[in-house]
Amino acid sequence: MSDDYKTSKEAFVSGMTGSSIAHINMISLVALFSVTLYSALRTRLPASASISFPLELLILVLPLLLSITLFANSPLWLSAILMIPTGLLLLLPRRESGTPLPSNLSPSRSQSPAREKEHTVNSNRTHAHVQSVTISPLPALTTYRSHMLLLTFLSILAVDFPVFPRSLAKCETFGVSMMDLGVGSFIFSQGIVSAIPLIKNPWHLKDPLLPKVALVFRKCLPLFALGIIRTLSVKGVEYPEHQTEYGTHWNFFITLALIPPLEVLLHPLMVRLPISFLGVVVALVHQTALSCGLTTFVLNAPRTSLISANKEGLISLPGYLAVHLLGLSTGTLVLPPSPSYFRRRQQQLAPTPRTHADSDSDSDSDTVADANTTSRTPRAGTKTAIELFSYAAVWWVLLAAARALSAGGGVSRRLVNVQYVLWVAAFNTSFLLGYLLLDLRFAPGPGPVRRGAYKPPVAPTRAPALLEAVNRNGLVLFLLVCAAFTCARAYILMRTQANVATGLVNLAIPTMHVPDWAAMLVLALYAAGICAVAWAFCQMRLWRF
């Protein structure tokens, strides 16, 4: 391919210093305001009306695209545009939801408490503490993960166009940007959903270690294989690559494949220690190693061996593990019916000086109580919001302290230092809290009830259908986007090489010279295409990871 094109392309995405945390937060607030508009519209429409796919695309996806392109430097204006119709809709009376049907209530309502308790105790004794817990869907988590995925998909293509500000592209070494945040947020959100098996069966933490590691590693082999395939495809077409992201051969898929086995190795410690504490410890140990010489190695060592060639990917792995653990801890808060549920079950795992008989009796009674709570009580949204707020405040305070002390020299995605870990945790916890508060604010109620009359339970909310579709197959869509980009860029580069060799007109138009109007048209069609694929497979899960 043309050396001039490759050099200019590498320069177009290199040497970035980023933006500010406040700017990134203002851009991300657009996503919250778009959901607020959607929720206001859904709760004010007649019961017979529904929000169609094009309208969801317009309300929930287009603002995300505008926030990272045309309105990237003035995101508050876009937020104001979204809030005007929202305010008008909120002036209208709210639609009453009516009384939920018995089939929409918790399954345990149809059973007698005595019979359910007897079944729970017998199941506990038969299966030796292995008890499956039903985790109801959390619309706030679905919305949060879907918006994070959509922003990632859009940024992957938008960064190739000048309409995407360079301040939002990945920073060279130190700095904050939207794309730097997206990588950590993906790991954090994977950590949240990784809490599901631990919540359903906390005794999984005490299962034999080596079989668990082998099983998880086998599940992650497809991701590792995809990482190898991507490396070979990029090298095969000599695509301009940014080596300081992960290294010469390393890429995000390899990191994503190695995190779950590393988490399993820490299961014996999770029996005794809070997961959030483990995440902070891993981040601090990693930062200590960086301060003792690894930073110099990453920034200055020549790429003369396989290890030094992939130094960014290898050295950043413990930092991403810390991000994953903090996400896992957040999952144990928001997914159970109560934020203290997993802590209580975790305490049952730790050895105590009590006698064996007392221990068995207390364990049985605690398990029965937790099972009854899980099956009968709706999720404690207010308590979860308070707990999330507390954790978000802690992460922001720790981040401010780390920045004041210049710990790690600044936020660095390349090193995944302690400031980056804390920033990712603070941001994601805060915005997940924002989506949860919107759920609580717009939760459908049964309408006015006379004083002293029976008040039926609140009907469960649902995330927007389009966002549910994106979340259901988010990883598959991510792989599809990456595969499509690899093939498309390979074709363009081969055409570029052929045209230069033969002296013909260059038919491949470099994206960095495309005008803004054309770039927005391409990006809008691209966003619609991704959402259409997600919508087409909304009823099935293509790959469980």
Protein backbone atom coordinates (compact mmCIF):
# COMPACT_ATOMS: atom_id res chain seq x y z
CA MET A 1 0.00 0.00 0.00
CA SER A 2 1.07 3.64 -0.30
CA ASP A 3 3.56 4.62 2.40
CA ASP A 4 2.24 8.20 2.32
CA TYR A 5 -1.32 7.04 2.99
CA LYS A 6 -0.23 4.71 5.79
CA THR A 7 1.86 7.43 7.42
CA SER A 8 -0.89 10.04 7.21
CA LYS A 9 -3.47 7.54 8.51
CA GLU A 10 -1.31 6.64 11.51
CA ALA A 11 -0.73 10.33 12.25
CA PHE A 12 -4.49 10.96 12.05
CA VAL A 13 -5.15 8.64 15.03
CA SER A 14 -1.87 9.08 16.95
CA GLY A 15 -0.51 11.55 19.46
CA MET A 16 -3.86 12.45 21.02
CA THR A 17 -3.97 14.08 24.45
CA GLY A 18 -7.71 13.75 25.08
CA SER A 19 -10.32 15.97 26.66
CA SER A 20 -11.49 16.43 30.28
CA ILE A 21 -13.53 14.28 32.63
CA ALA A 22 -16.19 17.01 32.85
CA HIS A 23 -16.49 17.14 29.05
CA ILE A 24 -16.86 13.35 28.81
CA ASN A 25 -19.55 13.45 31.51
CA MET A 26 -21.50 16.15 29.66
CA ILE A 27 -21.39 14.15 26.43
CA SER A 28 -22.55 11.03 28.27
CA LEU A 29 -25.44 12.92 29.89
CA VAL A 30 -27.05 13.09 26.44
CA ALA A 31 -27.73 9.35 26.72
CA LEU A 32 -29.56 9.86 30.01
CA PHE A 33 -31.64 12.71 28.57
CA SER A 34 -32.60 10.59 25.55
CA VAL A 35 -33.87 7.85 27.88
CA THR A 36 -35.75 10.49 29.88
CA LEU A 37 -37.48 11.65 26.69
CA TYR A 38 -38.32 8.06 25.75
CA SER A 39 -39.69 7.31 29.24
CA ALA A 40 -41.81 10.47 29.28
CA LEU A 41 -43.23 9.58 25.86
CA ARG A 42 -43.94 5.96 26.83
CA THR A 43 -45.74 6.89 30.04
CA ARG A 44 -47.89 9.53 28.30
CA LEU A 45 -48.90 7.63 25.17
CA PRO A 46 -52.30 5.90 25.09
CA ALA A 47 -52.20 2.27 26.18
CA SER A 48 -53.03 1.13 22.64
CA ALA A 49 -50.08 3.01 21.10
CA SER A 50 -46.53 1.73 20.87
CA ILE A 51 -43.16 3.22 20.01
CA SER A 52 -41.96 1.79 16.72
CA PHE A 53 -38.43 0.83 15.71
CA PRO A 54 -37.81 4.02 13.65
CA LEU A 55 -38.95 6.19 16.55
CA GLU A 56 -36.74 4.36 19.04
CA LEU A 57 -33.85 4.76 16.60
CA LEU A 58 -34.56 8.48 16.40
CA ILE A 59 -34.91 9.04 20.17
CA LEU A 60 -32.33 6.63 21.59
CA VAL A 61 -29.58 6.24 18.96
CA LEU A 62 -29.43 9.44 16.91
CA PRO A 63 -28.67 11.62 19.99
CA LEU A 64 -25.71 9.34 20.78
CA LEU A 65 -24.33 9.84 17.28
CA LEU A 66 -24.82 13.61 17.43
CA SER A 67 -23.20 13.83 20.87
CA ILE A 68 -19.87 12.47 19.58
CA THR A 69 -19.89 14.32 16.25
CA LEU A 70 -21.69 17.58 15.46
CA PHE A 71 -22.52 18.44 19.10
CA ALA A 72 -19.35 17.00 20.65
CA ASN A 73 -18.02 20.45 21.52
CA SER A 74 -21.39 21.73 22.79
CA PRO A 75 -23.18 18.72 24.34
CA LEU A 76 -25.26 20.88 26.69
CA TRP A 77 -27.09 22.35 23.70
CA LEU A 78 -28.07 18.87 22.57
CA SER A 79 -29.21 18.01 26.10
CA ALA A 80 -31.35 21.16 26.13
CA ILE A 81 -32.91 20.21 22.78
CA LEU A 82 -33.88 16.82 24.24
CA MET A 83 -35.24 18.28 27.46
CA ILE A 84 -37.65 20.72 25.77
CA PRO A 85 -40.06 18.05 24.44
CA THR A 86 -39.48 16.03 27.63
CA GLY A 87 -40.65 18.94 29.76
CA LEU A 88 -43.73 19.42 27.59
CA LEU A 89 -44.62 15.73 27.83
CA LEU A 90 -44.27 15.77 31.60
CA LEU A 91 -46.95 18.45 31.74
CA LEU A 92 -49.45 15.91 30.41
CA PRO A 93 -51.22 13.53 32.83
CA ARG A 94 -49.52 10.19 33.30
CA ARG A 95 -51.23 7.13 31.86
CA GLU A 96 -52.55 4.77 34.51
CA SER A 97 -51.15 1.25 34.34
CA GLY A 98 -53.96 -0.60 36.06
CA THR A 99 -53.66 -3.57 38.35
CA PRO A 100 -51.07 -6.20 37.37
CA LEU A 101 -52.51 -9.59 36.48
CA PRO A 102 -51.75 -12.49 38.81
CA SER A 103 -49.51 -14.02 36.14
CA ASN A 104 -47.29 -10.92 36.31
CA LEU A 105 -46.70 -11.30 40.02
CA SER A 106 -43.96 -13.31 41.63
CA PRO A 107 -44.44 -17.08 41.06
CA SER A 108 -44.25 -17.69 44.78
CA ARG A 109 -47.62 -15.95 45.27
CA SER A 110 -49.39 -18.98 43.87
CA GLN A 111 -47.88 -21.28 46.50
CA SER A 112 -48.53 -21.46 50.20
CA PRO A 113 -45.64 -20.16 52.34
CA ALA A 114 -45.45 -23.41 54.31
CA ARG A 115 -45.21 -25.56 51.20
CA GLU A 116 -42.60 -23.26 49.64
CA LYS A 117 -40.51 -23.28 52.83
CA GLU A 118 -40.66 -27.08 53.00
CA HIS A 119 -39.55 -27.35 49.38
CA THR A 120 -36.69 -24.88 49.96
CA VAL A 121 -35.39 -26.70 53.04
CA ASN A 122 -35.54 -30.10 51.33
CA SER A 123 -33.81 -28.71 48.25
CA ASN A 124 -31.10 -27.15 50.40
CA ARG A 125 -30.43 -30.40 52.25
CA THR A 126 -30.48 -32.47 49.09
CA HIS A 127 -28.19 -30.28 47.02
CA ALA A 128 -25.78 -29.27 49.77
CA HIS A 129 -26.21 -25.51 49.71
CA VAL A 130 -26.51 -25.34 45.89
CA GLN A 131 -29.62 -23.31 45.28
CA SER A 132 -30.64 -21.53 42.13
CA VAL A 133 -31.82 -17.95 42.59
CA THR A 134 -34.00 -16.30 39.99
CA ILE A 135 -32.63 -12.92 38.96
CA SER A 136 -35.30 -10.67 37.50
CA PRO A 137 -34.35 -8.36 34.62
CA LEU A 138 -33.01 -4.95 35.57
CA PRO A 139 -34.05 -2.40 32.89
CA ALA A 140 -31.49 0.15 34.10
CA LEU A 141 -28.67 -2.33 33.52
CA THR A 142 -30.00 -3.21 30.06
CA THR A 143 -30.19 0.46 29.09
CA TYR A 144 -26.75 1.23 30.52
CA ARG A 145 -25.07 -1.68 28.70
CA SER A 146 -26.87 -0.98 25.42
CA HIS A 147 -25.91 2.69 25.35
CA MET A 148 -22.33 1.79 26.21
CA LEU A 149 -22.25 -0.74 23.34
CA LEU A 150 -23.84 1.68 20.86
CA LEU A 151 -21.36 4.44 21.73
CA THR A 152 -18.54 1.93 21.25
CA PHE A 153 -19.88 0.79 17.86
CA LEU A 154 -20.36 4.35 16.66
CA SER A 155 -16.95 5.53 17.83
CA ILE A 156 -15.15 2.64 16.10
CA LEU A 157 -16.21 4.03 12.71
CA ALA A 158 -16.60 7.71 13.56
CA VAL A 159 -12.96 8.04 14.67
CA ASP A 160 -11.90 7.61 11.03
CA PHE A 161 -13.76 10.82 10.05
CA PRO A 162 -12.82 14.43 10.87
CA VAL A 163 -16.37 15.02 12.17
CA PHE A 164 -15.33 13.00 15.21
CA PRO A 165 -13.23 15.38 17.35
CA ARG A 166 -9.64 14.24 17.90
CA SER A 167 -10.08 14.98 21.61
CA LEU A 168 -12.44 11.98 21.84
CA ALA A 169 -10.01 9.56 20.16
CA LYS A 170 -7.75 7.28 22.20
CA CYS A 171 -4.96 9.12 23.94
CA GLU A 172 -1.35 8.25 23.23
CA THR A 173 -0.28 7.67 26.84
CA PHE A 174 -1.96 9.98 29.38
CA GLY A 175 -5.34 11.70 29.15
CA VAL A 176 -9.07 11.00 29.12
CA SER A 177 -11.28 10.52 26.08
CA MET A 178 -14.54 8.88 25.08
CA MET A 179 -12.80 5.96 23.36
CA ASP A 180 -10.46 5.43 26.30
CA LEU A 181 -13.50 5.22 28.54
CA GLY A 182 -15.29 2.83 26.19
CA VAL A 183 -12.65 0.11 26.54
CA GLY A 184 -12.80 0.17 30.34
CA SER A 185 -16.58 0.41 30.38
CA PHE A 186 -16.85 -2.72 28.25
CA ILE A 187 -14.72 -4.63 30.78
CA PHE A 188 -16.68 -3.12 33.70
CA SER A 189 -20.05 -4.10 32.24
CA GLN A 190 -18.82 -7.64 31.56
CA GLY A 191 -17.85 -7.78 35.22
CA ILE A 192 -21.39 -6.79 36.24
CA VAL A 193 -23.03 -9.64 34.35
CA SER A 194 -20.30 -12.05 35.50
CA ALA A 195 -21.83 -11.74 38.97
CA ILE A 196 -24.91 -13.73 37.90
CA PRO A 197 -23.49 -17.24 38.56
CA LEU A 198 -22.06 -16.12 41.91
CA ILE A 199 -25.42 -14.71 42.99
CA LYS A 200 -27.29 -17.81 41.90
CA ASN A 201 -24.84 -20.10 43.68
CA PRO A 202 -22.25 -18.44 45.95
CA TRP A 203 -20.91 -21.89 46.84
CA HIS A 204 -19.39 -21.91 43.37
CA LEU A 205 -16.58 -19.89 44.96
CA LYS A 206 -15.56 -22.97 46.96
CA ASP A 207 -15.61 -25.43 44.05
CA PRO A 208 -12.24 -27.00 43.06
CA LEU A 209 -10.12 -24.31 41.44
CA LEU A 210 -8.37 -26.05 38.54
CA PRO A 211 -11.54 -27.55 36.96
CA LYS A 212 -13.17 -24.09 37.13
CA VAL A 213 -10.21 -22.41 35.46
CA ALA A 214 -10.14 -25.08 32.73
CA LEU A 215 -13.88 -24.73 32.11
CA VAL A 216 -13.77 -20.92 31.91
CA PHE A 217 -10.70 -20.99 29.69
CA ARG A 218 -12.46 -23.37 27.27
CA LYS A 219 -15.43 -21.00 27.11
CA CYS A 220 -13.07 -18.12 26.31
CA LEU A 221 -11.16 -19.97 23.57
CA PRO A 222 -13.41 -18.57 20.78
CA LEU A 223 -12.54 -15.03 21.89
CA PHE A 224 -8.86 -15.88 21.99
CA ALA A 225 -9.14 -17.40 18.50
CA LEU A 226 -10.85 -14.24 17.25
CA GLY A 227 -7.98 -12.21 18.67
CA ILE A 228 -5.48 -14.32 16.73
CA ILE A 229 -7.55 -14.07 13.54
CA ARG A 230 -7.77 -10.29 13.86
CA THR A 231 -4.01 -10.00 14.34
CA LEU A 232 -3.35 -12.14 11.24
CA SER A 233 -5.86 -10.21 9.13
CA VAL A 234 -4.47 -6.81 10.14
CA LYS A 235 -0.88 -7.91 9.51
CA GLY A 236 -1.84 -9.55 6.24
CA VAL A 237 -3.12 -6.35 4.63
CA GLU A 238 -0.59 -4.04 6.33
CA TYR A 239 -3.38 -1.94 7.76
CA PRO A 240 -2.14 1.18 9.61
CA GLU A 241 -2.25 0.23 13.27
CA HIS A 242 -1.59 2.03 16.51
CA GLN A 243 0.93 -0.19 18.30
CA THR A 244 0.79 1.75 21.56
CA GLU A 245 -2.81 0.62 22.14
CA TYR A 246 -2.07 -3.02 22.98
CA GLY A 247 1.19 -3.91 21.24
CA THR A 248 2.28 -5.50 18.00
CA HIS A 249 0.22 -8.71 18.16
CA TRP A 250 -2.08 -8.15 21.13
CA ASN A 251 -5.63 -6.78 20.82
CA PHE A 252 -8.75 -6.27 22.90
CA PHE A 253 -10.14 -9.75 22.18
CA ILE A 254 -7.12 -11.37 23.82
CA THR A 255 -7.53 -9.19 26.91
CA LEU A 256 -11.25 -10.01 27.02
CA ALA A 257 -10.49 -13.74 26.80
CA LEU A 258 -7.93 -13.73 29.64
CA ILE A 259 -9.88 -11.73 32.24
CA PRO A 260 -12.43 -14.45 33.26
CA PRO A 261 -9.78 -17.14 34.03
CA LEU A 262 -7.84 -14.60 36.09
CA GLU A 263 -11.03 -13.78 38.02
CA VAL A 264 -11.56 -17.48 38.83
CA LEU A 265 -8.07 -17.66 40.29
CA LEU A 266 -9.19 -15.13 42.90
CA HIS A 267 -12.26 -17.11 44.00
CA PRO A 268 -10.57 -18.47 47.18
CA LEU A 269 -9.95 -14.87 48.28
CA MET A 270 -13.54 -13.85 47.48
CA VAL A 271 -14.75 -16.28 50.12
CA ARG A 272 -13.19 -14.13 52.85
CA LEU A 273 -12.82 -10.63 51.36
CA PRO A 274 -15.23 -8.16 49.71
CA ILE A 275 -14.86 -8.16 45.93
CA SER A 276 -14.59 -4.37 45.79
CA PHE A 277 -11.71 -4.53 48.28
CA LEU A 278 -9.96 -7.11 46.08
CA GLY A 279 -10.39 -4.84 43.06
CA VAL A 280 -8.80 -1.90 44.87
CA VAL A 281 -5.94 -4.09 46.12
CA VAL A 282 -5.23 -5.39 42.60
CA ALA A 283 -5.24 -1.80 41.29
CA LEU A 284 -2.84 -0.64 44.02
CA VAL A 285 -0.47 -3.58 43.54
CA HIS A 286 -0.49 -2.93 39.81
CA GLN A 287 0.20 0.77 40.37
CA THR A 288 3.09 -0.09 42.71
CA ALA A 289 4.61 -2.28 40.01
CA LEU A 290 4.17 0.50 37.45
CA SER A 291 5.87 3.00 39.76
CA CYS A 292 8.76 0.60 40.35
CA GLY A 293 9.83 0.40 36.73
CA LEU A 294 7.07 -1.05 34.56
CA THR A 295 6.01 2.41 33.36
CA THR A 296 9.51 3.05 32.02
CA PHE A 297 9.47 -0.38 30.38
CA VAL A 298 6.15 0.27 28.63
CA LEU A 299 7.01 3.78 27.46
CA ASN A 300 10.66 3.35 26.48
CA ALA A 301 11.60 -0.32 25.95
CA PRO A 302 12.28 -1.25 22.30
CA ARG A 303 10.10 -3.95 20.77
CA THR A 304 12.82 -6.55 20.34
CA SER A 305 11.07 -9.67 21.70
CA LEU A 306 7.60 -11.16 21.84
CA ILE A 307 7.09 -9.80 25.36
CA SER A 308 8.37 -6.30 24.65
CA ALA A 309 6.46 -6.22 21.36
CA ASN A 310 3.22 -6.72 23.29
CA LYS A 311 4.18 -4.88 26.48
CA GLU A 312 1.04 -2.72 26.57
CA GLY A 313 -1.31 -5.72 26.44
CA LEU A 314 0.62 -7.69 29.04
CA ILE A 315 1.23 -4.88 31.51
CA SER A 316 -2.34 -3.54 31.31
CA LEU A 317 -3.88 -6.94 32.10
CA PRO A 318 -3.83 -6.57 35.94
CA GLY A 319 -5.42 -3.12 35.62
CA TYR A 320 -8.25 -4.49 33.48
CA LEU A 321 -8.67 -7.29 36.02
CA ALA A 322 -9.15 -4.62 38.71
CA VAL A 323 -11.79 -2.91 36.53
CA HIS A 324 -13.51 -6.27 36.03
CA LEU A 325 -13.53 -6.96 39.79
CA LEU A 326 -15.08 -3.57 40.57
CA GLY A 327 -17.73 -4.29 37.95
CA LEU A 328 -18.28 -7.72 39.50
CA SER A 329 -18.75 -6.09 42.89
CA THR A 330 -21.30 -3.68 41.38
CA GLY A 331 -23.16 -6.65 39.89
CA THR A 332 -23.52 -8.25 43.31
CA LEU A 333 -25.23 -5.03 44.45
CA VAL A 334 -27.66 -4.31 41.62
CA LEU A 335 -28.70 -7.78 40.41
CA PRO A 336 -30.04 -9.45 43.62
CA PRO A 337 -33.33 -8.35 45.21
CA SER A 338 -31.36 -6.52 47.90
CA PRO A 339 -27.88 -4.97 47.74
CA SER A 340 -26.92 -6.85 50.91
CA TYR A 341 -28.07 -10.24 49.61
CA PHE A 342 -24.71 -11.44 48.29
CA ARG A 343 -22.86 -10.15 51.35
CA ARG A 344 -25.06 -12.30 53.58
CA ARG A 345 -24.48 -15.35 51.43
CA GLN A 346 -20.76 -14.60 51.29
CA GLN A 347 -20.59 -14.56 55.08
CA GLN A 348 -22.01 -18.07 55.15
CA LEU A 349 -19.04 -19.29 53.10
CA ALA A 350 -16.36 -18.02 55.46
CA PRO A 351 -15.36 -20.55 58.19
CA THR A 352 -16.56 -19.62 61.68
CA PRO A 353 -15.73 -21.02 65.13
CA ARG A 354 -19.30 -22.23 65.65
CA THR A 355 -20.11 -25.91 66.12
CA HIS A 356 -21.02 -28.01 63.12
CA ALA A 357 -24.61 -28.54 64.23
CA ASP A 358 -25.20 -24.84 64.87
CA SER A 359 -23.58 -23.96 61.58
CA ASP A 360 -25.82 -26.33 59.62
CA SER A 361 -28.93 -25.08 61.39
CA ASP A 362 -28.10 -21.40 60.85
CA SER A 363 -27.09 -22.01 57.26
CA ASP A 364 -30.37 -23.77 56.50
CA SER A 365 -32.46 -21.03 58.09
CA ASP A 366 -30.48 -18.24 56.41
CA THR A 367 -30.77 -19.94 53.03
CA VAL A 368 -34.50 -20.38 53.45
CA ALA A 369 -34.90 -16.74 54.48
CA ASP A 370 -32.85 -15.54 51.50
CA ALA A 371 -34.77 -17.79 49.12
CA ASN A 372 -38.10 -16.50 50.43
CA THR A 373 -36.86 -12.93 50.08
CA THR A 374 -35.69 -13.59 46.54
CA SER A 375 -38.90 -15.19 45.37
CA ARG A 376 -41.40 -12.97 47.16
CA THR A 377 -39.99 -9.48 47.31
CA PRO A 378 -39.45 -7.13 44.37
CA ARG A 379 -36.02 -5.62 43.92
CA ALA A 380 -35.25 -2.99 46.54
CA GLY A 381 -34.63 -0.20 44.06
CA THR A 382 -34.29 2.61 46.56
CA LYS A 383 -31.81 0.71 48.72
CA THR A 384 -29.82 -0.25 45.63
CA ALA A 385 -29.75 3.40 44.50
CA ILE A 386 -28.47 4.51 47.91
CA GLU A 387 -25.76 1.86 47.87
CA LEU A 388 -24.73 2.75 44.31
CA PHE A 389 -24.57 6.41 45.28
CA SER A 390 -22.29 5.53 48.19
CA TYR A 391 -19.93 3.54 45.98
CA ALA A 392 -19.93 6.22 43.27
CA ALA A 393 -19.04 8.85 45.88
CA VAL A 394 -16.19 6.68 47.18
CA TRP A 395 -14.73 6.13 43.69
CA TRP A 396 -14.95 9.85 42.82
CA VAL A 397 -13.31 10.85 46.11
CA LEU A 398 -10.53 8.29 45.62
CA LEU A 399 -10.02 9.50 42.05
CA ALA A 400 -9.78 13.11 43.25
CA ALA A 401 -7.24 12.06 45.88
CA ALA A 402 -5.19 10.11 43.34
CA ARG A 403 -5.17 13.08 40.95
CA ALA A 404 -4.21 15.47 43.77
CA LEU A 405 -1.29 13.17 44.69
CA SER A 406 -0.39 12.63 40.99
CA ALA A 407 -0.56 8.87 41.56
CA GLY A 408 0.52 7.18 38.36
CA GLY A 409 1.21 10.49 36.62
CA GLY A 410 -2.35 10.92 35.33
CA VAL A 411 -5.13 8.83 33.81
CA SER A 412 -3.64 6.32 31.36
CA ARG A 413 -5.56 3.70 29.39
CA ARG A 414 -2.28 2.51 27.90
CA LEU A 415 -1.02 1.55 31.39
CA VAL A 416 -4.47 1.03 33.00
CA ASN A 417 -3.08 2.66 36.12
CA VAL A 418 -4.94 3.32 39.36
CA GLN A 419 -6.37 6.64 38.14
CA TYR A 420 -7.83 4.97 35.06
CA VAL A 421 -9.34 2.13 37.14
CA LEU A 422 -10.96 4.59 39.56
CA TRP A 423 -12.22 6.80 36.73
CA VAL A 424 -13.89 3.88 34.94
CA ALA A 425 -15.47 2.65 38.20
CA ALA A 426 -16.69 6.13 39.19
CA PHE A 427 -18.14 6.91 35.76
CA ASN A 428 -19.94 3.60 35.25
CA THR A 429 -21.30 3.42 38.79
CA SER A 430 -22.63 6.99 38.51
CA PHE A 431 -24.33 6.53 35.16
CA LEU A 432 -25.77 3.15 36.13
CA LEU A 433 -27.21 5.00 39.14
CA GLY A 434 -28.66 7.60 36.77
CA TYR A 435 -30.45 4.94 34.71
CA LEU A 436 -31.71 3.29 37.89
CA LEU A 437 -33.14 6.59 39.15
CA LEU A 438 -34.95 7.05 35.83
CA ASP A 439 -36.43 3.58 36.23
CA LEU A 440 -37.66 4.45 39.71
CA ARG A 441 -39.04 7.79 38.51
CA PHE A 442 -40.96 6.39 35.54
CA ALA A 443 -41.92 3.00 36.98
CA PRO A 444 -45.55 2.28 36.07
CA GLY A 445 -47.88 2.49 39.01
CA PRO A 446 -51.40 1.19 39.61
CA GLY A 447 -52.94 4.64 39.57
CA PRO A 448 -54.73 6.43 42.43
CA VAL A 449 -55.89 4.22 45.28
CA ARG A 450 -58.43 5.17 47.92
CA ARG A 451 -57.18 5.47 51.45
CA GLY A 452 -57.31 2.13 53.27
CA ALA A 453 -57.98 0.19 50.06
CA TYR A 454 -55.75 -2.56 48.71
CA LYS A 455 -52.78 -1.20 46.78
CA PRO A 456 -51.55 -3.70 44.17
CA PRO A 457 -47.82 -4.10 43.61
CA VAL A 458 -46.03 -1.93 41.10
CA ALA A 459 -45.79 -3.55 37.69
CA PRO A 460 -42.26 -4.21 36.51
CA THR A 461 -40.67 -1.83 34.05
CA ARG A 462 -39.02 -2.83 30.80
CA ALA A 463 -36.12 -1.34 28.91
CA PRO A 464 -36.82 0.02 25.40
CA ALA A 465 -37.24 -2.84 22.95
CA LEU A 466 -34.38 -1.68 20.73
CA LEU A 467 -31.97 -1.44 23.66
CA GLU A 468 -33.05 -4.89 24.86
CA ALA A 469 -32.24 -6.24 21.40
CA VAL A 470 -28.79 -4.61 21.40
CA ASN A 471 -28.02 -5.86 24.90
CA ARG A 472 -29.18 -9.41 24.16
CA ASN A 473 -26.54 -9.92 21.48
CA GLY A 474 -24.10 -7.15 22.35
CA LEU A 475 -20.95 -9.24 22.12
CA VAL A 476 -22.02 -10.76 18.79
CA LEU A 477 -22.70 -7.28 17.41
CA PHE A 478 -19.29 -6.15 18.64
CA LEU A 479 -17.63 -9.08 16.87
CA LEU A 480 -19.69 -8.38 13.75
CA VAL A 481 -18.62 -4.73 13.73
CA CYS A 482 -14.95 -5.64 14.15
CA ALA A 483 -15.14 -8.34 11.46
CA ALA A 484 -16.90 -6.00 9.04
CA PHE A 485 -14.29 -3.30 9.59
CA THR A 486 -11.43 -5.72 9.11
CA CYS A 487 -12.88 -6.98 5.80
CA ALA A 488 -13.86 -3.54 4.53
CA ARG A 489 -10.53 -1.96 5.38
CA ALA A 490 -8.66 -4.89 3.86
CA TYR A 491 -10.61 -4.47 0.61
CA ILE A 492 -10.05 -0.70 0.53
CA LEU A 493 -6.33 -1.08 1.18
CA MET A 494 -5.94 -3.73 -1.51
CA ARG A 495 -7.74 -1.47 -3.97
CA THR A 496 -5.51 1.41 -2.89
CA GLN A 497 -2.40 -0.70 -3.44
CA ALA A 498 -3.59 -1.89 -6.85
CA ASN A 499 -4.45 1.63 -7.99
CA VAL A 500 -1.08 3.00 -6.94
CA ALA A 501 0.70 0.12 -8.67
CA THR A 502 -1.11 0.57 -11.97
CA GLY A 503 -1.36 4.34 -11.93
CA LEU A 504 -5.16 4.24 -12.19
CA VAL A 505 -7.50 6.61 -10.43
CA ASN A 506 -7.67 5.90 -6.72
CA LEU A 507 -11.18 4.54 -6.15
CA ALA A 508 -10.77 4.23 -2.39
CA ILE A 509 -11.72 7.55 -0.80
CA PRO A 510 -9.74 8.13 2.42
CA THR A 511 -12.18 8.66 5.29
CA MET A 512 -10.04 11.41 6.84
CA HIS A 513 -10.84 13.65 3.85
CA VAL A 514 -14.61 13.06 3.77
CA PRO A 515 -16.76 16.19 4.41
CA ASP A 516 -18.92 16.26 7.52
CA TRP A 517 -22.27 15.91 5.74
CA ALA A 518 -21.13 12.76 3.93
CA ALA A 519 -19.60 11.36 7.11
CA MET A 520 -22.86 11.89 9.01
CA LEU A 521 -24.80 10.14 6.25
CA VAL A 522 -22.47 7.15 6.37
CA LEU A 523 -22.56 7.03 10.18
CA ALA A 524 -26.36 7.29 10.29
CA LEU A 525 -26.75 4.42 7.83
CA TYR A 526 -24.18 2.43 9.77
CA ALA A 527 -26.03 2.99 13.07
CA ALA A 528 -29.35 2.04 11.47
CA GLY A 529 -27.78 -1.12 10.04
CA ILE A 530 -26.41 -2.25 13.41
CA CYS A 531 -29.74 -1.63 15.11
CA ALA A 532 -31.62 -3.42 12.32
CA VAL A 533 -29.46 -6.52 12.81
CA ALA A 534 -30.06 -6.39 16.57
CA TRP A 535 -33.79 -5.94 16.00
CA ALA A 536 -33.93 -8.91 13.60
CA PHE A 537 -32.49 -11.24 16.26
CA CYS A 538 -34.22 -9.66 19.27
CA GLN A 539 -35.95 -12.93 20.22
CA MET A 540 -32.84 -15.10 20.37
CA ARG A 541 -29.44 -15.05 22.03
CA LEU A 542 -26.82 -15.92 19.41
CA TRP A 543 -23.91 -16.54 21.80
CA ARG A 544 -23.71 -16.89 25.57
CA PHE A 545 -20.41 -15.73 27.05
